[in-house]
Amino acid sequence: MKVQVRYFASVREALSSSGEAVETRAETLSALRDELIGRGGAYATALARGKAVRMALDQVMSDEDAALREGCEVAFFPPVTGG
């Protein structure tokens, strides 16, 4: 399936990209994150397990077990604090 992936803040800076269309076999946010980590390089560093990364599915904060569907939008970003 094809999903639209968006990157924000330090994740965007690390990947030098604000987003991309991704063809994936992943069924959940967690599996998609693992696929992207599997690309290696900046993806492995920016999205590494153990690193604080928040995820949203169709602009709603979501847990890693949230199910993906054709054409959905996924966003990856670091935790944000107010001030």
N, C-alpha and C. Protein backbone atom coordinates (compact mmCIF):
# COMPACT_ATOMS: atom_id res chain seq x y z
N MET A 1 0.84 -1.18 0.00
CA MET A 1 0.00 0.00 0.00
C MET A 1 0.88 1.24 0.00
N LYS A 2 0.33 2.32 -0.43
CA LYS A 2 1.07 3.59 -0.46
C LYS A 2 0.54 4.49 0.65
N VAL A 3 1.47 5.06 1.42
CA VAL A 3 1.12 6.00 2.48
C VAL A 3 1.97 7.26 2.31
N GLN A 4 1.46 8.36 2.79
CA GLN A 4 2.20 9.63 2.76
C GLN A 4 2.86 9.80 4.12
N VAL A 5 4.17 9.96 4.13
CA VAL A 5 4.91 10.11 5.39
C VAL A 5 5.45 11.53 5.47
N ARG A 6 5.25 12.16 6.62
CA ARG A 6 5.73 13.52 6.85
C ARG A 6 6.69 13.49 8.04
N TYR A 7 7.73 14.32 7.94
CA TYR A 7 8.74 14.43 8.98
C TYR A 7 8.77 15.87 9.48
N PHE A 8 8.89 16.03 10.81
CA PHE A 8 8.87 17.36 11.41
C PHE A 8 10.05 17.58 12.33
N ALA A 9 10.41 18.85 12.49
CA ALA A 9 11.43 19.31 13.45
C ALA A 9 12.77 18.59 13.23
N SER A 10 13.35 18.05 14.29
CA SER A 10 14.68 17.45 14.18
C SER A 10 14.70 16.22 13.28
N VAL A 11 13.58 15.51 13.18
CA VAL A 11 13.51 14.36 12.27
C VAL A 11 13.63 14.86 10.82
N ARG A 12 12.90 15.91 10.50
CA ARG A 12 12.98 16.51 9.16
C ARG A 12 14.41 16.96 8.86
N GLU A 13 15.03 17.62 9.82
CA GLU A 13 16.40 18.09 9.62
C GLU A 13 17.37 16.94 9.39
N ALA A 14 17.24 15.88 10.17
CA ALA A 14 18.14 14.73 10.04
C ALA A 14 17.99 14.04 8.69
N LEU A 15 16.76 14.00 8.17
CA LEU A 15 16.51 13.31 6.91
C LEU A 15 16.58 14.24 5.70
N SER A 16 16.74 15.53 5.95
CA SER A 16 16.75 16.52 4.87
C SER A 16 15.54 16.39 3.96
N SER A 17 14.40 16.11 4.59
CA SER A 17 13.16 15.92 3.83
C SER A 17 11.96 16.21 4.73
N SER A 18 10.95 16.84 4.17
CA SER A 18 9.73 17.08 4.94
C SER A 18 8.71 15.98 4.73
N GLY A 19 8.96 15.09 3.76
CA GLY A 19 8.03 14.00 3.56
C GLY A 19 8.25 13.27 2.26
N GLU A 20 7.53 12.15 2.13
CA GLU A 20 7.64 11.32 0.94
C GLU A 20 6.47 10.35 0.88
N ALA A 21 6.18 9.89 -0.32
CA ALA A 21 5.22 8.80 -0.50
C ALA A 21 6.01 7.51 -0.35
N VAL A 22 5.48 6.59 0.45
CA VAL A 22 6.18 5.34 0.73
C VAL A 22 5.28 4.17 0.35
N GLU A 23 5.84 3.26 -0.42
CA GLU A 23 5.17 1.99 -0.72
C GLU A 23 5.60 1.04 0.38
N THR A 24 4.64 0.48 1.12
CA THR A 24 4.97 -0.33 2.29
C THR A 24 4.11 -1.58 2.37
N ARG A 25 4.65 -2.56 3.07
CA ARG A 25 3.90 -3.77 3.43
C ARG A 25 3.51 -3.73 4.91
N ALA A 26 3.94 -2.67 5.59
CA ALA A 26 3.66 -2.52 7.02
C ALA A 26 2.17 -2.41 7.27
N GLU A 27 1.73 -2.99 8.35
CA GLU A 27 0.31 -2.93 8.73
C GLU A 27 0.06 -1.98 9.88
N THR A 28 1.14 -1.60 10.60
CA THR A 28 1.01 -0.72 11.76
C THR A 28 2.06 0.38 11.70
N LEU A 29 1.87 1.39 12.53
CA LEU A 29 2.88 2.44 12.64
C LEU A 29 4.23 1.87 13.06
N SER A 30 4.22 0.93 13.99
CA SER A 30 5.45 0.32 14.46
C SER A 30 6.20 -0.37 13.33
N ALA A 31 5.48 -1.13 12.51
CA ALA A 31 6.11 -1.85 11.41
C ALA A 31 6.65 -0.87 10.36
N LEU A 32 5.94 0.22 10.12
CA LEU A 32 6.42 1.23 9.18
C LEU A 32 7.70 1.87 9.71
N ARG A 33 7.71 2.20 10.99
CA ARG A 33 8.92 2.77 11.59
C ARG A 33 10.09 1.82 11.42
N ASP A 34 9.86 0.53 11.66
CA ASP A 34 10.93 -0.46 11.51
C ASP A 34 11.41 -0.55 10.05
N GLU A 35 10.49 -0.47 9.10
CA GLU A 35 10.88 -0.47 7.68
C GLU A 35 11.78 0.72 7.36
N LEU A 36 11.39 1.88 7.86
CA LEU A 36 12.19 3.09 7.61
C LEU A 36 13.55 2.98 8.29
N ILE A 37 13.61 2.49 9.51
CA ILE A 37 14.88 2.27 10.20
C ILE A 37 15.76 1.33 9.39
N GLY A 38 15.13 0.33 8.77
CA GLY A 38 15.85 -0.64 7.97
C GLY A 38 16.54 -0.06 6.74
N ARG A 39 16.17 1.15 6.36
CA ARG A 39 16.86 1.83 5.25
C ARG A 39 18.29 2.19 5.64
N GLY A 40 18.54 2.25 6.94
CA GLY A 40 19.88 2.59 7.42
C GLY A 40 20.15 4.08 7.39
N GLY A 41 21.39 4.45 7.58
CA GLY A 41 21.83 5.83 7.51
C GLY A 41 21.05 6.75 8.42
N ALA A 42 20.65 7.89 7.86
CA ALA A 42 19.95 8.92 8.64
C ALA A 42 18.61 8.41 9.18
N TYR A 43 17.94 7.52 8.43
CA TYR A 43 16.67 6.97 8.91
C TYR A 43 16.88 6.15 10.18
N ALA A 44 17.92 5.32 10.18
CA ALA A 44 18.21 4.49 11.35
C ALA A 44 18.53 5.35 12.57
N THR A 45 19.21 6.46 12.35
CA THR A 45 19.56 7.36 13.45
C THR A 45 18.36 8.16 13.93
N ALA A 46 17.63 8.78 13.03
CA ALA A 46 16.54 9.68 13.39
C ALA A 46 15.35 8.96 14.01
N LEU A 47 15.09 7.71 13.57
CA LEU A 47 13.91 6.99 14.02
C LEU A 47 14.24 5.81 14.93
N ALA A 48 15.48 5.72 15.40
CA ALA A 48 15.96 4.58 16.18
C ALA A 48 15.04 4.24 17.35
N ARG A 49 14.93 2.95 17.60
CA ARG A 49 14.20 2.48 18.79
C ARG A 49 14.94 2.99 20.01
N GLY A 50 14.22 3.37 21.03
CA GLY A 50 14.84 3.94 22.22
C GLY A 50 14.95 5.45 22.13
N LYS A 51 14.78 6.00 20.94
CA LYS A 51 14.78 7.44 20.75
C LYS A 51 13.33 7.92 20.84
N ALA A 52 13.13 9.03 21.52
CA ALA A 52 11.77 9.56 21.69
C ALA A 52 11.26 10.12 20.35
N VAL A 53 10.34 9.40 19.75
CA VAL A 53 9.72 9.82 18.50
C VAL A 53 8.21 9.65 18.65
N ARG A 54 7.48 10.70 18.39
CA ARG A 54 6.02 10.66 18.43
C ARG A 54 5.51 10.36 17.03
N MET A 55 4.30 9.80 16.96
CA MET A 55 3.70 9.47 15.67
C MET A 55 2.25 9.90 15.63
N ALA A 56 1.82 10.31 14.46
CA ALA A 56 0.42 10.65 14.24
C ALA A 56 -0.06 9.94 12.99
N LEU A 57 -1.31 9.52 13.03
CA LEU A 57 -1.95 8.89 11.88
C LEU A 57 -3.13 9.75 11.49
N ASP A 58 -3.09 10.26 10.27
CA ASP A 58 -4.13 11.17 9.78
C ASP A 58 -4.37 12.32 10.77
N GLN A 59 -3.27 12.90 11.24
CA GLN A 59 -3.23 14.07 12.11
C GLN A 59 -3.82 13.84 13.50
N VAL A 60 -3.82 12.58 13.94
CA VAL A 60 -4.25 12.23 15.30
C VAL A 60 -3.10 11.47 15.96
N MET A 61 -2.66 11.95 17.13
CA MET A 61 -1.61 11.25 17.87
C MET A 61 -2.03 9.80 18.05
N SER A 62 -1.10 8.88 17.76
CA SER A 62 -1.46 7.46 17.77
C SER A 62 -0.37 6.61 18.41
N ASP A 63 -0.80 5.45 18.91
CA ASP A 63 0.13 4.46 19.44
C ASP A 63 0.74 3.69 18.28
N GLU A 64 1.85 3.02 18.57
CA GLU A 64 2.55 2.27 17.52
C GLU A 64 1.73 1.14 16.93
N ASP A 65 0.72 0.67 17.63
CA ASP A 65 -0.07 -0.45 17.09
C ASP A 65 -1.23 0.02 16.20
N ALA A 66 -1.33 1.31 15.93
CA ALA A 66 -2.38 1.84 15.06
C ALA A 66 -2.23 1.26 13.65
N ALA A 67 -3.34 0.84 13.08
CA ALA A 67 -3.34 0.20 11.76
C ALA A 67 -3.26 1.23 10.63
N LEU A 68 -2.40 0.94 9.68
CA LEU A 68 -2.27 1.78 8.49
C LEU A 68 -3.33 1.35 7.46
N ARG A 69 -3.66 2.28 6.55
CA ARG A 69 -4.55 1.94 5.44
C ARG A 69 -4.09 2.73 4.22
N GLU A 70 -4.46 2.26 3.08
CA GLU A 70 -4.09 2.89 1.81
C GLU A 70 -4.36 4.39 1.85
N GLY A 71 -3.35 5.17 1.48
CA GLY A 71 -3.51 6.61 1.37
C GLY A 71 -3.47 7.40 2.66
N CYS A 72 -3.21 6.74 3.79
CA CYS A 72 -3.19 7.48 5.06
C CYS A 72 -1.95 8.36 5.14
N GLU A 73 -1.99 9.30 6.08
CA GLU A 73 -0.86 10.18 6.33
C GLU A 73 -0.26 9.84 7.69
N VAL A 74 1.04 9.62 7.69
CA VAL A 74 1.79 9.29 8.91
C VAL A 74 2.77 10.42 9.16
N ALA A 75 2.87 10.86 10.40
CA ALA A 75 3.83 11.90 10.75
C ALA A 75 4.74 11.41 11.87
N PHE A 76 6.02 11.72 11.75
CA PHE A 76 7.02 11.40 12.76
C PHE A 76 7.62 12.71 13.24
N PHE A 77 7.72 12.87 14.57
CA PHE A 77 8.29 14.09 15.13
C PHE A 77 8.76 13.84 16.56
N PRO A 78 9.69 14.66 17.03
CA PRO A 78 10.16 14.51 18.41
C PRO A 78 9.10 15.04 19.38
N PRO A 79 9.18 14.62 20.65
CA PRO A 79 8.27 15.21 21.64
C PRO A 79 8.46 16.72 21.69
N VAL A 80 7.40 17.42 21.94
CA VAL A 80 7.44 18.88 21.95
C VAL A 80 7.04 19.37 23.33
N THR A 81 7.75 20.36 23.84
CA THR A 81 7.38 20.95 25.11
C THR A 81 6.92 22.38 24.87
N GLY A 82 6.02 22.80 25.67
CA GLY A 82 5.52 24.19 25.56
C GLY A 82 6.42 25.14 26.32
N GLY A 83 6.15 26.42 26.12
CA GLY A 83 7.00 27.33 26.86
C GLY A 83 6.57 28.73 26.75
